[in-house]
Every structure is written in C-alpha cells, then in structure tokens.
C-alpha cells in the first residue's frame, strides 16, 4: 500500500515522503496513529506543504534541543551499586534509573525511551549513555558506577 508520511517515522522515512508499506502496517499502525495517509492524488499535492511544515518544526526542535544537548554533555552521574566477584553488579543500571537521576541532579527531564545504552550497565566503571534529542542530535552523558562498599567506607 502506498502512503504519504505526515511525520518522521523511525526506520521508514521523513515527513512528506511517499512509501510502499505492508497493508497491515498502514491500516493498523501508521494511519490510526496519524503518521500517514493514503497516497491519493489530492494527498500528493499536499506532500510539499507537509514536507516544508515538518522541516520548520524539526528546525525549531533542533534549536531547542541544542541547548539541552550542551547541558547533557557536561553531566556525569554516579551510581552506587552492590557488587559481586569480579566487579559485576547484582542486577544492572537501567535507563529509568539514569533518567530519574538526571532529573534529580540537573532538572532535565528526559523520557527513558530516548536514552540508548549500547549494552546494559552490569559492571563497575565509566559508561556512556546516548540521549536521542532530535534527528541529528545525540549527546552522550557519562555514568560512573561505583561499589556500595567503597562509598560506605569513604563516608565513615
């Protein structure tokens, strides 16, 4: 089925583009979510208008996000965790924990789904977490994981 995208769709295309997608994907997801419309001749005439409007929206979003990105690049979050043998954690540090700590320390509220861990944090040390703010803007923040025992000893 041929559809005209009204919004950017991850791994599919940008607003204003026409794409051939599976019938079920279009009927059950894209069209009900308002992300696309059927590619009729009337809709095709509106494609340029949609593309320009989406470019303007993306430009505004990118300018707002760039100030947040600069602040995020400066952030280093520290987590104290229980550690077993070999420096491995009992459990792991999740994106929800990172998002909560970021909000608590800096006041910047980021949805946990916008945080991208290359691999789960299950070991002591320094880790990088990418934050997807806009299409071309992904700053990284630093997460340090230290042992609870080491933190308790230095606090005494």
C-alpha atoms as a PDB file:
ATOM      1  CA  UNK A   1       0.000   0.000   0.000  1.00  0.00           C
ATOM      2  CA  UNK A   2       1.331   3.431  -0.906  1.00  0.00           C
ATOM      3  CA  UNK A   3       1.186   6.009   1.918  1.00  0.00           C
ATOM      4  CA  UNK A   4       2.235   9.618   2.388  1.00  0.00           C
ATOM      5  CA  UNK A   5       4.067  10.177   5.671  1.00  0.00           C
ATOM      6  CA  UNK A   6       2.768  13.071   7.776  1.00  0.00           C
ATOM      7  CA  UNK A   7       5.518  12.740  10.406  1.00  0.00           C
ATOM      8  CA  UNK A   8       9.007  11.270  10.541  1.00  0.00           C
ATOM      9  CA  UNK A   9       8.776   7.527  11.180  1.00  0.00           C
ATOM     10  CA  UNK A  10      11.843   5.771  12.531  1.00  0.00           C
ATOM     11  CA  UNK A  11      13.394   3.333  10.041  1.00  0.00           C
ATOM     12  CA  UNK A  12      10.809   4.234   7.396  1.00  0.00           C
ATOM     13  CA  UNK A  13      11.135   7.824   6.211  1.00  0.00           C
ATOM     14  CA  UNK A  14      10.665  11.528   6.759  1.00  0.00           C
ATOM     15  CA  UNK A  15       7.514  13.630   6.592  1.00  0.00           C
ATOM     16  CA  UNK A  16       6.333  14.364   3.058  1.00  0.00           C
ATOM     17  CA  UNK A  17       7.786  11.186   1.543  1.00  0.00           C
ATOM     18  CA  UNK A  18       5.680   8.501  -0.095  1.00  0.00           C
ATOM     19  CA  UNK A  19       6.498   4.924   0.824  1.00  0.00           C
ATOM     20  CA  UNK A  20       5.233   1.482  -0.090  1.00  0.00           C
ATOM     21  CA  UNK A  21       4.458  -0.413   3.119  1.00  0.00           C
ATOM     22  CA  UNK A  22       2.631  -3.591   4.060  1.00  0.00           C
ATOM     23  CA  UNK A  23      -1.167  -3.199   4.052  1.00  0.00           C
ATOM     24  CA  UNK A  24      -1.500  -4.239   7.695  1.00  0.00           C
ATOM     25  CA  UNK A  25       1.259  -1.858   8.842  1.00  0.00           C
ATOM     26  CA  UNK A  26      -0.514   1.040   7.130  1.00  0.00           C
ATOM     27  CA  UNK A  27      -4.076   0.120   8.209  1.00  0.00           C
ATOM     28  CA  UNK A  28      -3.294  -0.937  11.773  1.00  0.00           C
ATOM     29  CA  UNK A  29      -0.482   1.400  12.797  1.00  0.00           C
ATOM     30  CA  UNK A  30       0.509   4.294  10.538  1.00  0.00           C
ATOM     31  CA  UNK A  31      -2.940   5.627   9.605  1.00  0.00           C
ATOM     32  CA  UNK A  32      -4.624   5.234  13.051  1.00  0.00           C
ATOM     33  CA  UNK A  33      -1.618   6.884  14.751  1.00  0.00           C
ATOM     34  CA  UNK A  34      -1.880   9.845  12.356  1.00  0.00           C
ATOM     35  CA  UNK A  35       1.613   9.248  10.990  1.00  0.00           C
ATOM     36  CA  UNK A  36       0.492   8.678   7.406  1.00  0.00           C
ATOM     37  CA  UNK A  37      -2.403   8.970   4.960  1.00  0.00           C
ATOM     38  CA  UNK A  38      -3.210   7.034   1.805  1.00  0.00           C
ATOM     39  CA  UNK A  39      -1.249   8.386  -1.138  1.00  0.00           C
ATOM     40  CA  UNK A  40      -4.200   9.713  -3.153  1.00  0.00           C
ATOM     41  CA  UNK A  41      -3.707  12.372  -5.873  1.00  0.00           C
ATOM     42  CA  UNK A  42      -5.093  15.044  -3.510  1.00  0.00           C
ATOM     43  CA  UNK A  43      -2.745  13.996  -0.719  1.00  0.00           C
ATOM     44  CA  UNK A  44       0.210  14.035  -3.113  1.00  0.00           C
ATOM     45  CA  UNK A  45      -0.461  17.730  -3.834  1.00  0.00           C
ATOM     46  CA  UNK A  46      -0.175  18.394  -0.101  1.00  0.00           C
ATOM     47  CA  UNK A  47       3.113  16.492   0.188  1.00  0.00           C
ATOM     48  CA  UNK A  48       5.272  19.585  -0.403  1.00  0.00           C
ATOM     49  CA  UNK A  49       3.336  21.586   2.179  1.00  0.00           C
ATOM     50  CA  UNK A  50       3.714  18.755   4.689  1.00  0.00           C
ATOM     51  CA  UNK A  51       7.433  18.459   3.998  1.00  0.00           C
ATOM     52  CA  UNK A  52       8.036  22.198   4.488  1.00  0.00           C
ATOM     53  CA  UNK A  53       5.981  22.303   7.687  1.00  0.00           C
ATOM     54  CA  UNK A  54       7.868  19.314   9.083  1.00  0.00           C
ATOM     55  CA  UNK A  55      11.228  20.915   8.209  1.00  0.00           C
ATOM     56  CA  UNK A  56      10.228  24.070  10.092  1.00  0.00           C
ATOM     57  CA  UNK A  57       9.114  22.014  13.095  1.00  0.00           C
ATOM     58  CA  UNK A  58      12.351  19.998  13.060  1.00  0.00           C
ATOM     59  CA  UNK A  59      14.463  23.173  12.857  1.00  0.00           C
ATOM     60  CA  UNK A  60      12.708  24.651  15.901  1.00  0.00           C
ATOM     61  CA  UNK A  61      13.016  21.379  17.778  1.00  0.00           C
ATOM     62  CA  UNK A  62      16.716  21.131  16.940  1.00  0.00           C
ATOM     63  CA  UNK A  63      17.437  24.668  18.159  1.00  0.00           C
ATOM     64  CA  UNK A  64      15.649  23.979  21.457  1.00  0.00           C
ATOM     65  CA  UNK A  65      17.378  20.632  21.825  1.00  0.00           C
ATOM     66  CA  UNK A  66      20.860  22.029  21.153  1.00  0.00           C
ATOM     67  CA  UNK A  67      20.825  23.999  24.424  1.00  0.00           C
ATOM     68  CA  UNK A  68      19.744  20.864  26.310  1.00  0.00           C
ATOM     69  CA  UNK A  69      22.438  18.859  24.490  1.00  0.00           C
ATOM     70  CA  UNK A  70      25.194  21.187  25.700  1.00  0.00           C
ATOM     71  CA  UNK A  71      23.997  20.766  29.288  1.00  0.00           C
ATOM     72  CA  UNK A  72      23.782  16.970  28.945  1.00  0.00           C
ATOM     73  CA  UNK A  73      27.353  16.691  27.607  1.00  0.00           C
ATOM     74  CA  UNK A  74      28.602  18.208  30.873  1.00  0.00           C
ATOM     75  CA  UNK A  75      26.700  15.746  33.119  1.00  0.00           C
ATOM     76  CA  UNK A  76      28.345  12.883  34.989  1.00  0.00           C
ATOM     77  CA  UNK A  77      26.009  10.676  37.036  1.00  0.00           C
ATOM     78  CA  UNK A  78      27.333   8.403  39.786  1.00  0.00           C
ATOM     79  CA  UNK A  79      25.539   5.274  40.951  1.00  0.00           C
ATOM     80  CA  UNK A  80      26.483   3.168  43.978  1.00  0.00           C
ATOM     81  CA  UNK A  81      25.624  -0.486  43.459  1.00  0.00           C
ATOM     82  CA  UNK A  82      26.109  -3.830  45.185  1.00  0.00           C
ATOM     83  CA  UNK A  83      28.951  -5.713  43.601  1.00  0.00           C
ATOM     84  CA  UNK A  84      29.793  -9.398  43.435  1.00  0.00           C
ATOM     85  CA  UNK A  85      33.030 -11.068  42.463  1.00  0.00           C
ATOM     86  CA  UNK A  86      34.968  -9.665  39.538  1.00  0.00           C
ATOM     87  CA  UNK A  87      33.305  -6.234  39.717  1.00  0.00           C
ATOM     88  CA  UNK A  88      29.982  -7.473  38.345  1.00  0.00           C
ATOM     89  CA  UNK A  89      26.809  -5.863  39.644  1.00  0.00           C
ATOM     90  CA  UNK A  90      23.889  -7.624  41.251  1.00  0.00           C
ATOM     91  CA  UNK A  91      21.332  -6.585  38.646  1.00  0.00           C
ATOM     92  CA  UNK A  92      22.022  -3.659  36.318  1.00  0.00           C
ATOM     93  CA  UNK A  93      21.617   0.092  35.958  1.00  0.00           C
ATOM     94  CA  UNK A  94      18.512   0.744  33.830  1.00  0.00           C
ATOM     95  CA  UNK A  95      17.551   3.630  31.576  1.00  0.00           C
ATOM     96  CA  UNK A  96      14.780   4.503  34.051  1.00  0.00           C
ATOM     97  CA  UNK A  97      17.336   4.899  36.845  1.00  0.00           C
ATOM     98  CA  UNK A  98      19.510   7.084  34.604  1.00  0.00           C
ATOM     99  CA  UNK A  99      16.511   9.250  33.624  1.00  0.00           C
ATOM    100  CA  UNK A 100      15.438   9.649  37.275  1.00  0.00           C
ATOM    101  CA  UNK A 101      18.944  10.575  38.420  1.00  0.00           C
ATOM    102  CA  UNK A 102      19.330  13.059  35.541  1.00  0.00           C
ATOM    103  CA  UNK A 103      16.080  14.759  36.562  1.00  0.00           C
ATOM    104  CA  UNK A 104      17.052  14.772  40.237  1.00  0.00           C
ATOM    105  CA  UNK A 105      20.530  16.235  39.721  1.00  0.00           C
ATOM    106  CA  UNK A 106      20.007  18.654  36.821  1.00  0.00           C
ATOM    107  CA  UNK A 107      16.259  19.138  36.480  1.00  0.00           C
ATOM    108  CA  UNK A 108      16.390  17.999  32.833  1.00  0.00           C
ATOM    109  CA  UNK A 109      13.521  15.592  32.208  1.00  0.00           C
ATOM    110  CA  UNK A 110      14.245  13.003  29.515  1.00  0.00           C
ATOM    111  CA  UNK A 111      11.993  10.074  28.642  1.00  0.00           C
ATOM    112  CA  UNK A 112      13.737   6.752  29.358  1.00  0.00           C
ATOM    113  CA  UNK A 113      12.982   5.611  25.789  1.00  0.00           C
ATOM    114  CA  UNK A 114      15.234   8.381  24.480  1.00  0.00           C
ATOM    115  CA  UNK A 115      18.206   7.015  26.403  1.00  0.00           C
ATOM    116  CA  UNK A 116      20.243   4.489  24.479  1.00  0.00           C
ATOM    117  CA  UNK A 117      22.604   2.111  26.227  1.00  0.00           C
ATOM    118  CA  UNK A 118      24.988   0.313  23.906  1.00  0.00           C
ATOM    119  CA  UNK A 119      24.858  -2.581  26.364  1.00  0.00           C
ATOM    120  CA  UNK A 120      23.272  -2.992  29.815  1.00  0.00           C
ATOM    121  CA  UNK A 121      25.341  -1.497  32.618  1.00  0.00           C
ATOM    122  CA  UNK A 122      26.336  -4.522  34.682  1.00  0.00           C
ATOM    123  CA  UNK A 123      29.906  -3.682  35.694  1.00  0.00           C
ATOM    124  CA  UNK A 124      31.806  -1.099  37.680  1.00  0.00           C
ATOM    125  CA  UNK A 125      33.412   1.753  35.774  1.00  0.00           C
ATOM    126  CA  UNK A 126      32.550   4.572  33.430  1.00  0.00           C
ATOM    127  CA  UNK A 127      29.886   4.107  30.764  1.00  0.00           C
ATOM    128  CA  UNK A 128      28.497   6.366  28.014  1.00  0.00           C
ATOM    129  CA  UNK A 129      24.749   6.781  27.519  1.00  0.00           C
ATOM    130  CA  UNK A 130      23.479   8.358  24.285  1.00  0.00           C
ATOM    131  CA  UNK A 131      20.452  10.657  24.534  1.00  0.00           C
ATOM    132  CA  UNK A 132      18.297  10.928  21.389  1.00  0.00           C
ATOM    133  CA  UNK A 133      17.011  14.524  21.417  1.00  0.00           C
ATOM    134  CA  UNK A 134      16.424  15.238  17.720  1.00  0.00           C
ATOM    135  CA  UNK A 135      17.031  13.625  14.344  1.00  0.00           C
ATOM    136  CA  UNK A 136      20.714  14.568  14.130  1.00  0.00           C
ATOM    137  CA  UNK A 137      21.382  15.403  17.789  1.00  0.00           C
ATOM    138  CA  UNK A 138      22.544  12.661  20.167  1.00  0.00           C
ATOM    139  CA  UNK A 139      24.758  13.928  23.011  1.00  0.00           C
ATOM    140  CA  UNK A 140      26.305  11.445  25.437  1.00  0.00           C
ATOM    141  CA  UNK A 141      26.311  11.650  29.192  1.00  0.00           C
ATOM    142  CA  UNK A 142      28.726   9.808  31.465  1.00  0.00           C
ATOM    143  CA  UNK A 143      27.591   7.277  34.048  1.00  0.00           C
ATOM    144  CA  UNK A 144      30.036   6.175  36.753  1.00  0.00           C
ATOM    145  CA  UNK A 145      29.207   3.010  38.669  1.00  0.00           C
ATOM    146  CA  UNK A 146      30.985   2.539  41.992  1.00  0.00           C
ATOM    147  CA  UNK A 147      30.791  -0.123  44.672  1.00  0.00           C
ATOM    148  CA  UNK A 148      28.440   0.483  47.625  1.00  0.00           C
ATOM    149  CA  UNK A 149      31.173  -0.801  49.955  1.00  0.00           C
ATOM    150  CA  UNK A 150      33.651   1.758  48.614  1.00  0.00           C
ATOM    151  CA  UNK A 151      31.116   4.571  49.080  1.00  0.00           C
ATOM    152  CA  UNK A 152      30.276   3.416  52.647  1.00  0.00           C
ATOM    153  CA  UNK A 153      33.974   3.250  53.607  1.00  0.00           C
ATOM    154  CA  UNK A 154      34.697   6.778  52.349  1.00  0.00           C
ATOM    155  CA  UNK A 155      31.590   8.147  54.108  1.00  0.00           C
ATOM    156  CA  UNK A 156      32.739   6.847  57.545  1.00  0.00           C
END
